Amino acid sequence: MYHYFQLNRDEFMDHYHKRSNIEATNAAIKRKFGETLKSKNPVAQVNELLAKIVAYNLTVVIHEMYENGIEPNFFYKNTSSLDRTMGSNQSS
């Protein structure tokens, strides 16, 4: 491994940096949501783990929004004209 590191230092460091980011993320998820899964069923365990990952990602996004002053811009369809049309039908 050391020989590979000496011959391909840049490639090794890129790969190692990815691993260190993954390890840090796993540790953060465990700190925030606990190290154990409560579900007994294997399918439920996968779902519980995925829910923890989604919840962690949401906390990171929200933190970055506040930290960097990012205003959320949600994509939604303007239904105000539809509401007016439906409202006029209901009053008849």
PDB file of N, CA and C in Angstrom:
ATOM      1  N   MET A   1       0.820  -1.185   0.000  1.00  0.00           N
ATOM      2  CA  MET A   1       0.000   0.000   0.000  1.00  0.00           C
ATOM      3  C   MET A   1       0.873   1.261   0.000  1.00  0.00           C
ATOM      4  N   TYR A   2       1.925   1.228   0.793  1.00  0.00           N
ATOM      5  CA  TYR A   2       2.813   2.384   0.850  1.00  0.00           C
ATOM      6  C   TYR A   2       3.471   2.624  -0.505  1.00  0.00           C
ATOM      7  N   HIS A   3       3.842   1.548  -1.186  1.00  0.00           N
ATOM      8  CA  HIS A   3       4.447   1.660  -2.512  1.00  0.00           C
ATOM      9  C   HIS A   3       3.460   2.313  -3.484  1.00  0.00           C
ATOM     10  N   TYR A   4       2.205   1.886  -3.431  1.00  0.00           N
ATOM     11  CA  TYR A   4       1.167   2.483  -4.285  1.00  0.00           C
ATOM     12  C   TYR A   4       1.015   3.974  -3.971  1.00  0.00           C
ATOM     13  N   PHE A   5       1.051   4.296  -2.679  1.00  0.00           N
ATOM     14  CA  PHE A   5       0.942   5.694  -2.260  1.00  0.00           C
ATOM     15  C   PHE A   5       2.082   6.523  -2.844  1.00  0.00           C
ATOM     16  N   GLN A   6       3.295   5.992  -2.799  1.00  0.00           N
ATOM     17  CA  GLN A   6       4.447   6.728  -3.309  1.00  0.00           C
ATOM     18  C   GLN A   6       4.375   6.941  -4.822  1.00  0.00           C
ATOM     19  N   LEU A   7       3.856   5.944  -5.552  1.00  0.00           N
ATOM     20  CA  LEU A   7       3.800   6.046  -7.013  1.00  0.00           C
ATOM     21  C   LEU A   7       2.606   6.855  -7.516  1.00  0.00           C
ATOM     22  N   ASN A   8       1.509   6.833  -6.779  1.00  0.00           N
ATOM     23  CA  ASN A   8       0.270   7.486  -7.225  1.00  0.00           C
ATOM     24  C   ASN A   8      -0.303   8.372  -6.117  1.00  0.00           C
ATOM     25  N   ARG A   9       0.477   9.291  -5.660  1.00  0.00           N
ATOM     26  CA  ARG A   9       0.093  10.105  -4.506  1.00  0.00           C
ATOM     27  C   ARG A   9      -1.217  10.872  -4.729  1.00  0.00           C
ATOM     28  N   ASP A  10      -1.392  11.529  -5.886  1.00  0.00           N
ATOM     29  CA  ASP A  10      -2.606  12.320  -6.133  1.00  0.00           C
ATOM     30  C   ASP A  10      -3.854  11.447  -6.152  1.00  0.00           C
ATOM     31  N   GLU A  11      -3.781  10.324  -6.854  1.00  0.00           N
ATOM     32  CA  GLU A  11      -4.928   9.417  -6.918  1.00  0.00           C
ATOM     33  C   GLU A  11      -5.253   8.858  -5.529  1.00  0.00           C
ATOM     34  N   PHE A  12      -4.221   8.513  -4.786  1.00  0.00           N
ATOM     35  CA  PHE A  12      -4.419   7.983  -3.441  1.00  0.00           C
ATOM     36  C   PHE A  12      -5.095   9.016  -2.544  1.00  0.00           C
ATOM     37  N   MET A  13      -4.648  10.256  -2.607  1.00  0.00           N
ATOM     38  CA  MET A  13      -5.209  11.297  -1.752  1.00  0.00           C
ATOM     39  C   MET A  13      -6.661  11.602  -2.124  1.00  0.00           C
ATOM     40  N   ASP A  14      -6.987  11.590  -3.418  1.00  0.00           N
ATOM     41  CA  ASP A  14      -8.378  11.797  -3.837  1.00  0.00           C
ATOM     42  C   ASP A  14      -9.272  10.712  -3.255  1.00  0.00           C
ATOM     43  N   HIS A  15      -8.830   9.470  -3.356  1.00  0.00           N
ATOM     44  CA  HIS A  15      -9.614   8.347  -2.848  1.00  0.00           C
ATOM     45  C   HIS A  15      -9.713   8.407  -1.324  1.00  0.00           C
ATOM     46  N   TYR A  16      -8.612   8.719  -0.660  1.00  0.00           N
ATOM     47  CA  TYR A  16      -8.605   8.777   0.797  1.00  0.00           C
ATOM     48  C   TYR A  16      -9.507   9.896   1.295  1.00  0.00           C
ATOM     49  N   HIS A  17      -9.524  11.034   0.596  1.00  0.00           N
ATOM     50  CA  HIS A  17     -10.365  12.159   1.005  1.00  0.00           C
ATOM     51  C   HIS A  17     -11.840  11.776   0.938  1.00  0.00           C
ATOM     52  N   LYS A  18     -12.229  11.027  -0.086  1.00  0.00           N
ATOM     53  CA  LYS A  18     -13.613  10.555  -0.181  1.00  0.00           C
ATOM     54  C   LYS A  18     -13.944   9.672   1.013  1.00  0.00           C
ATOM     55  N   ARG A  19     -13.019   8.788   1.349  1.00  0.00           N
ATOM     56  CA  ARG A  19     -13.251   7.893   2.486  1.00  0.00           C
ATOM     57  C   ARG A  19     -13.380   8.678   3.782  1.00  0.00           C
ATOM     58  N   SER A  20     -12.531   9.669   3.983  1.00  0.00           N
ATOM     59  CA  SER A  20     -12.602  10.442   5.228  1.00  0.00           C
ATOM     60  C   SER A  20     -13.915  11.215   5.316  1.00  0.00           C
ATOM     61  N   ASN A  21     -14.432  11.705   4.189  1.00  0.00           N
ATOM     62  CA  ASN A  21     -15.734  12.380   4.189  1.00  0.00           C
ATOM     63  C   ASN A  21     -16.849  11.410   4.558  1.00  0.00           C
ATOM     64  N   ILE A  22     -16.789  10.199   4.027  1.00  0.00           N
ATOM     65  CA  ILE A  22     -17.808   9.193   4.336  1.00  0.00           C
ATOM     66  C   ILE A  22     -17.760   8.825   5.813  1.00  0.00           C
ATOM     67  N   GLU A  23     -16.556   8.631   6.339  1.00  0.00           N
ATOM     68  CA  GLU A  23     -16.408   8.290   7.760  1.00  0.00           C
ATOM     69  C   GLU A  23     -16.950   9.410   8.647  1.00  0.00           C
ATOM     70  N   ALA A  24     -16.677  10.653   8.283  1.00  0.00           N
ATOM     71  CA  ALA A  24     -17.167  11.788   9.072  1.00  0.00           C
ATOM     72  C   ALA A  24     -18.688  11.875   9.023  1.00  0.00           C
ATOM     73  N   THR A  25     -19.270  11.613   7.856  1.00  0.00           N
ATOM     74  CA  THR A  25     -20.729  11.643   7.718  1.00  0.00           C
ATOM     75  C   THR A  25     -21.366  10.534   8.539  1.00  0.00           C
ATOM     76  N   ASN A  26     -20.807   9.332   8.460  1.00  0.00           N
ATOM     77  CA  ASN A  26     -21.339   8.216   9.257  1.00  0.00           C
ATOM     78  C   ASN A  26     -21.286   8.540  10.749  1.00  0.00           C
ATOM     79  N   ALA A  27     -20.189   9.122  11.195  1.00  0.00           N
ATOM     80  CA  ALA A  27     -20.052   9.477  12.610  1.00  0.00           C
ATOM     81  C   ALA A  27     -21.076  10.543  13.005  1.00  0.00           C
ATOM     82  N   ALA A  28     -21.318  11.509  12.131  1.00  0.00           N
ATOM     83  CA  ALA A  28     -22.292  12.568  12.432  1.00  0.00           C
ATOM     84  C   ALA A  28     -23.703  12.005  12.528  1.00  0.00           C
ATOM     85  N   ILE A  29     -24.050  11.088  11.633  1.00  0.00           N
ATOM     86  CA  ILE A  29     -25.379  10.462  11.675  1.00  0.00           C
ATOM     87  C   ILE A  29     -25.544   9.680  12.975  1.00  0.00           C
ATOM     88  N   LYS A  30     -24.517   8.936  13.367  1.00  0.00           N
ATOM     89  CA  LYS A  30     -24.586   8.161  14.611  1.00  0.00           C
ATOM     90  C   LYS A  30     -24.710   9.071  15.828  1.00  0.00           C
ATOM     91  N   ARG A  31     -23.976  10.195  15.836  1.00  0.00           N
ATOM     92  CA  ARG A  31     -24.068  11.132  16.961  1.00  0.00           C
ATOM     93  C   ARG A  31     -25.460  11.745  17.060  1.00  0.00           C
ATOM     94  N   LYS A  32     -26.015  12.118  15.925  1.00  0.00           N
ATOM     95  CA  LYS A  32     -27.291  12.835  15.915  1.00  0.00           C
ATOM     96  C   LYS A  32     -28.486  11.919  16.151  1.00  0.00           C
ATOM     97  N   PHE A  33     -28.464  10.710  15.576  1.00  0.00           N
ATOM     98  CA  PHE A  33     -29.646   9.845  15.596  1.00  0.00           C
ATOM     99  C   PHE A  33     -29.429   8.514  16.317  1.00  0.00           C
ATOM    100  N   GLY A  34     -28.271   8.319  16.895  1.00  0.00           N
ATOM    101  CA  GLY A  34     -28.007   7.084  17.627  1.00  0.00           C
ATOM    102  C   GLY A  34     -27.313   6.037  16.766  1.00  0.00           C
ATOM    103  N   GLU A  35     -26.598   5.148  17.440  1.00  0.00           N
ATOM    104  CA  GLU A  35     -25.799   4.138  16.741  1.00  0.00           C
ATOM    105  C   GLU A  35     -26.573   2.882  16.401  1.00  0.00           C
ATOM    106  N   THR A  36     -27.718   2.681  17.035  1.00  0.00           N
ATOM    107  CA  THR A  36     -28.439   1.426  16.831  1.00  0.00           C
ATOM    108  C   THR A  36     -29.720   1.650  16.036  1.00  0.00           C
ATOM    109  N   LEU A  37     -30.156   0.570  15.394  1.00  0.00           N
ATOM    110  CA  LEU A  37     -31.453   0.557  14.725  1.00  0.00           C
ATOM    111  C   LEU A  37     -32.423  -0.181  15.632  1.00  0.00           C
ATOM    112  N   LYS A  38     -33.615   0.328  15.768  1.00  0.00           N
ATOM    113  CA  LYS A  38     -34.599  -0.263  16.681  1.00  0.00           C
ATOM    114  C   LYS A  38     -35.422  -1.358  16.017  1.00  0.00           C
ATOM    115  N   SER A  39     -35.508  -1.327  14.696  1.00  0.00           N
ATOM    116  CA  SER A  39     -36.341  -2.292  13.968  1.00  0.00           C
ATOM    117  C   SER A  39     -35.731  -3.681  14.014  1.00  0.00           C
ATOM    118  N   LYS A  40     -36.590  -4.699  14.015  1.00  0.00           N
ATOM    119  CA  LYS A  40     -36.147  -6.096  14.029  1.00  0.00           C
ATOM    120  C   LYS A  40     -36.132  -6.692  12.627  1.00  0.00           C
ATOM    121  N   ASN A  41     -37.089  -6.321  11.811  1.00  0.00           N
ATOM    122  CA  ASN A  41     -37.224  -6.835  10.455  1.00  0.00           C
ATOM    123  C   ASN A  41     -36.133  -6.231   9.564  1.00  0.00           C
ATOM    124  N   PRO A  42     -35.434  -7.047   8.756  1.00  0.00           N
ATOM    125  CA  PRO A  42     -34.364  -6.516   7.904  1.00  0.00           C
ATOM    126  C   PRO A  42     -34.829  -5.417   6.941  1.00  0.00           C
ATOM    127  N   VAL A  43     -36.020  -5.557   6.383  1.00  0.00           N
ATOM    128  CA  VAL A  43     -36.537  -4.523   5.478  1.00  0.00           C
ATOM    129  C   VAL A  43     -36.786  -3.237   6.260  1.00  0.00           C
ATOM    130  N   ALA A  44     -37.343  -3.375   7.452  1.00  0.00           N
ATOM    131  CA  ALA A  44     -37.594  -2.207   8.301  1.00  0.00           C
ATOM    132  C   ALA A  44     -36.281  -1.550   8.729  1.00  0.00           C
ATOM    133  N   GLN A  45     -35.238  -2.348   8.940  1.00  0.00           N
ATOM    134  CA  GLN A  45     -33.935  -1.797   9.305  1.00  0.00           C
ATOM    135  C   GLN A  45     -33.371  -0.936   8.180  1.00  0.00           C
ATOM    136  N   VAL A  46     -33.499  -1.431   6.957  1.00  0.00           N
ATOM    137  CA  VAL A  46     -33.032  -0.648   5.804  1.00  0.00           C
ATOM    138  C   VAL A  46     -33.809   0.658   5.729  1.00  0.00           C
ATOM    139  N   ASN A  47     -35.133   0.581   5.891  1.00  0.00           N
ATOM    140  CA  ASN A  47     -35.959   1.785   5.841  1.00  0.00           C
ATOM    141  C   ASN A  47     -35.609   2.758   6.962  1.00  0.00           C
ATOM    142  N   GLU A  48     -35.344   2.234   8.145  1.00  0.00           N
ATOM    143  CA  GLU A  48     -34.966   3.083   9.275  1.00  0.00           C
ATOM    144  C   GLU A  48     -33.641   3.788   9.000  1.00  0.00           C
ATOM    145  N   LEU A  49     -32.686   3.054   8.456  1.00  0.00           N
ATOM    146  CA  LEU A  49     -31.395   3.649   8.122  1.00  0.00           C
ATOM    147  C   LEU A  49     -31.547   4.714   7.044  1.00  0.00           C
ATOM    148  N   LEU A  50     -32.332   4.419   6.016  1.00  0.00           N
ATOM    149  CA  LEU A  50     -32.559   5.409   4.956  1.00  0.00           C
ATOM    150  C   LEU A  50     -33.252   6.652   5.507  1.00  0.00           C
ATOM    151  N   ALA A  51     -34.176   6.470   6.442  1.00  0.00           N
ATOM    152  CA  ALA A  51     -34.853   7.616   7.063  1.00  0.00           C
ATOM    153  C   ALA A  51     -33.857   8.471   7.845  1.00  0.00           C
ATOM    154  N   LYS A  52     -32.917   7.826   8.532  1.00  0.00           N
ATOM    155  CA  LYS A  52     -31.885   8.575   9.255  1.00  0.00           C
ATOM    156  C   LYS A  52     -31.025   9.381   8.285  1.00  0.00           C
ATOM    157  N   ILE A  53     -30.698   8.785   7.147  1.00  0.00           N
ATOM    158  CA  ILE A  53     -29.870   9.477   6.159  1.00  0.00           C
ATOM    159  C   ILE A  53     -30.614  10.672   5.574  1.00  0.00           C
ATOM    160  N   VAL A  54     -31.892  10.488   5.246  1.00  0.00           N
ATOM    161  CA  VAL A  54     -32.696  11.595   4.711  1.00  0.00           C
ATOM    162  C   VAL A  54     -32.805  12.709   5.754  1.00  0.00           C
ATOM    163  N   ALA A  55     -33.077  12.338   7.003  1.00  0.00           N
ATOM    164  CA  ALA A  55     -33.193  13.339   8.068  1.00  0.00           C
ATOM    165  C   ALA A  55     -31.877  14.092   8.248  1.00  0.00           C
ATOM    166  N   TYR A  56     -30.762  13.387   8.192  1.00  0.00           N
ATOM    167  CA  TYR A  56     -29.457  14.040   8.315  1.00  0.00           C
ATOM    168  C   TYR A  56     -29.236  15.010   7.158  1.00  0.00           C
ATOM    169  N   ASN A  57     -29.549  14.567   5.934  1.00  0.00           N
ATOM    170  CA  ASN A  57     -29.376  15.443   4.776  1.00  0.00           C
ATOM    171  C   ASN A  57     -30.223  16.704   4.903  1.00  0.00           C
ATOM    172  N   LEU A  58     -31.445  16.567   5.417  1.00  0.00           N
ATOM    173  CA  LEU A  58     -32.297  17.742   5.625  1.00  0.00           C
ATOM    174  C   LEU A  58     -31.687  18.693   6.651  1.00  0.00           C
ATOM    175  N   THR A  59     -31.120  18.148   7.729  1.00  0.00           N
ATOM    176  CA  THR A  59     -30.502  19.022   8.728  1.00  0.00           C
ATOM    177  C   THR A  59     -29.304  19.760   8.136  1.00  0.00           C
ATOM    178  N   VAL A  60     -28.551  19.104   7.271  1.00  0.00           N
ATOM    179  CA  VAL A  60     -27.400  19.749   6.636  1.00  0.00           C
ATOM    180  C   VAL A  60     -27.869  20.865   5.701  1.00  0.00           C
ATOM    181  N   VAL A  61     -28.911  20.601   4.918  1.00  0.00           N
ATOM    182  CA  VAL A  61     -29.430  21.614   3.995  1.00  0.00           C
ATOM    183  C   VAL A  61     -29.949  22.821   4.775  1.00  0.00           C
ATOM    184  N   ILE A  62     -30.720  22.566   5.827  1.00  0.00           N
ATOM    185  CA  ILE A  62     -31.264  23.667   6.633  1.00  0.00           C
ATOM    186  C   ILE A  62     -30.138  24.467   7.286  1.00  0.00           C
ATOM    187  N   HIS A  63     -29.137  23.777   7.797  1.00  0.00           N
ATOM    188  CA  HIS A  63     -27.999  24.468   8.407  1.00  0.00           C
ATOM    189  C   HIS A  63     -27.304  25.367   7.390  1.00  0.00           C
ATOM    190  N   GLU A  64     -27.062  24.848   6.197  1.00  0.00           N
ATOM    191  CA  GLU A  64     -26.390  25.638   5.162  1.00  0.00           C
ATOM    192  C   GLU A  64     -27.242  26.825   4.720  1.00  0.00           C
ATOM    193  N   MET A  65     -28.568  26.653   4.697  1.00  0.00           N
ATOM    194  CA  MET A  65     -29.450  27.772   4.346  1.00  0.00           C
ATOM    195  C   MET A  65     -29.255  28.920   5.329  1.00  0.00           C
ATOM    196  N   TYR A  66     -29.250  28.621   6.620  1.00  0.00           N
ATOM    197  CA  TYR A  66     -29.094  29.662   7.630  1.00  0.00           C
ATOM    198  C   TYR A  66     -27.665  30.190   7.688  1.00  0.00           C
ATOM    199  N   GLU A  67     -26.711  29.310   7.551  1.00  0.00           N
ATOM    200  CA  GLU A  67     -25.304  29.705   7.636  1.00  0.00           C
ATOM    201  C   GLU A  67     -24.908  30.637   6.492  1.00  0.00           C
ATOM    202  N   ASN A  68     -25.420  30.368   5.293  1.00  0.00           N
ATOM    203  CA  ASN A  68     -25.025  31.129   4.105  1.00  0.00           C
ATOM    204  C   ASN A  68     -26.096  32.101   3.627  1.00  0.00           C
ATOM    205  N   GLY A  69     -27.176  32.252   4.385  1.00  0.00           N
ATOM    206  CA  GLY A  69     -28.219  33.202   4.015  1.00  0.00           C
ATOM    207  C   GLY A  69     -28.937  32.853   2.726  1.00  0.00           C
ATOM    208  N   ILE A  70     -29.140  31.569   2.485  1.00  0.00           N
ATOM    209  CA  ILE A  70     -29.798  31.127   1.254  1.00  0.00           C
ATOM    210  C   ILE A  70     -31.304  31.130   1.475  1.00  0.00           C
ATOM    211  N   GLU A  71     -32.025  31.817   0.593  1.00  0.00           N
ATOM    212  CA  GLU A  71     -33.485  31.832   0.661  1.00  0.00           C
ATOM    213  C   GLU A  71     -34.024  30.652  -0.134  1.00  0.00           C
ATOM    214  N   PRO A  72     -34.883  29.847   0.462  1.00  0.00           N
ATOM    215  CA  PRO A  72     -35.444  28.722  -0.294  1.00  0.00           C
ATOM    216  C   PRO A  72     -36.371  29.227  -1.391  1.00  0.00           C
ATOM    217  N   ASN A  73     -36.270  28.627  -2.546  1.00  0.00           N
ATOM    218  CA  ASN A  73     -37.122  28.973  -3.676  1.00  0.00           C
ATOM    219  C   ASN A  73     -37.760  27.675  -4.144  1.00  0.00           C
ATOM    220  N   PHE A  74     -38.942  27.383  -3.614  1.00  0.00           N
ATOM    221  CA  PHE A  74     -39.612  26.135  -3.925  1.00  0.00           C
ATOM    222  C   PHE A  74     -40.324  26.241  -5.256  1.00  0.00           C
ATOM    223  N   PHE A  75     -40.249  25.198  -6.030  1.00  0.00           N
ATOM    224  CA  PHE A  75     -40.953  25.146  -7.303  1.00  0.00           C
ATOM    225  C   PHE A  75     -42.375  24.694  -7.025  1.00  0.00           C
ATOM    226  N   TYR A  76     -43.317  25.526  -7.364  1.00  0.00           N
ATOM    227  CA  TYR A  76     -44.709  25.142  -7.202  1.00  0.00           C
ATOM    228  C   TYR A  76     -45.525  25.783  -8.312  1.00  0.00           C
ATOM    229  N   LYS A  77     -46.626  25.176  -8.604  1.00  0.00           N
ATOM    230  CA  LYS A  77     -47.511  25.676  -9.639  1.00  0.00           C
ATOM    231  C   LYS A  77     -48.462  26.680  -9.005  1.00  0.00           C
ATOM    232  N   ASN A  78     -48.580  27.833  -9.621  1.00  0.00           N
ATOM    233  CA  ASN A  78     -49.493  28.853  -9.131  1.00  0.00           C
ATOM    234  C   ASN A  78     -50.919  28.400  -9.421  1.00  0.00           C
ATOM    235  N   THR A  79     -51.675  28.154  -8.373  1.00  0.00           N
ATOM    236  CA  THR A  79     -53.044  27.654  -8.547  1.00  0.00           C
ATOM    237  C   THR A  79     -54.082  28.716  -8.222  1.00  0.00           C
ATOM    238  N   SER A  80     -53.664  29.986  -8.116  1.00  0.00           N
ATOM    239  CA  SER A  80     -54.620  31.018  -7.716  1.00  0.00           C
ATOM    240  C   SER A  80     -55.752  31.154  -8.732  1.00  0.00           C
ATOM    241  N   SER A  81     -55.464  31.051 -10.029  1.00  0.00           N
ATOM    242  CA  SER A  81     -56.542  31.145 -11.024  1.00  0.00           C
ATOM    243  C   SER A  81     -57.439  29.917 -10.945  1.00  0.00           C
ATOM    244  N   LEU A  82     -56.875  28.764 -10.642  1.00  0.00           N
ATOM    245  CA  LEU A  82     -57.667  27.548 -10.485  1.00  0.00           C
ATOM    246  C   LEU A  82     -58.572  27.663  -9.263  1.00  0.00           C
ATOM    247  N   ASP A  83     -58.047  28.218  -8.183  1.00  0.00           N
ATOM    248  CA  ASP A  83     -58.849  28.397  -6.971  1.00  0.00           C
ATOM    249  C   ASP A  83     -60.024  29.336  -7.226  1.00  0.00           C
ATOM    250  N   ARG A  84     -59.785  30.417  -7.978  1.00  0.00           N
ATOM    251  CA  ARG A  84     -60.871  31.351  -8.272  1.00  0.00           C
ATOM    252  C   ARG A  84     -61.943  30.688  -9.109  1.00  0.00           C
ATOM    253  N   THR A  85     -61.534  29.864 -10.075  1.00  0.00           N
ATOM    254  CA  THR A  85     -62.498  29.176 -10.931  1.00  0.00           C
ATOM    255  C   THR A  85     -63.312  28.188 -10.114  1.00  0.00           C
ATOM    256  N   MET A  86     -62.644  27.427  -9.275  1.00  0.00           N
ATOM    257  CA  MET A  86     -63.351  26.440  -8.456  1.00  0.00           C
ATOM    258  C   MET A  86     -64.236  27.131  -7.427  1.00  0.00           C
ATOM    259  N   GLY A  87     -63.767  28.258  -6.887  1.00  0.00           N
ATOM    260  CA  GLY A  87     -64.559  28.992  -5.910  1.00  0.00           C
ATOM    261  C   GLY A  87     -65.836  29.539  -6.511  1.00  0.00           C
ATOM    262  N   SER A  88     -65.778  29.976  -7.776  1.00  0.00           N
ATOM    263  CA  SER A  88     -66.984  30.514  -8.408  1.00  0.00           C
ATOM    264  C   SER A  88     -67.983  29.404  -8.684  1.00  0.00           C
ATOM    265  N   ASN A  89     -67.499  28.182  -8.943  1.00  0.00           N
ATOM    266  CA  ASN A  89     -68.401  27.054  -9.172  1.00  0.00           C
ATOM    267  C   ASN A  89     -69.086  26.634  -7.882  1.00  0.00           C
ATOM    268  N   GLN A  90     -68.399  26.765  -6.775  1.00  0.00           N
ATOM    269  CA  GLN A  90     -68.973  26.341  -5.507  1.00  0.00           C
ATOM    270  C   GLN A  90     -70.047  27.308  -5.024  1.00  0.00           C
ATOM    271  N   SER A  91     -69.953  28.585  -5.390  1.00  0.00           N
ATOM    272  CA  SER A  91     -70.922  29.558  -4.902  1.00  0.00           C
ATOM    273  C   SER A  91     -72.222  29.528  -5.693  1.00  0.00           C
ATOM    274  N   SER A  92     -72.253  28.882  -6.866  1.00  0.00           N
ATOM    275  CA  SER A  92     -73.461  28.843  -7.689  1.00  0.00           C
ATOM    276  C   SER A  92     -74.482  27.896  -7.140  1.00  0.00           C
TER     277      SER A  92
END
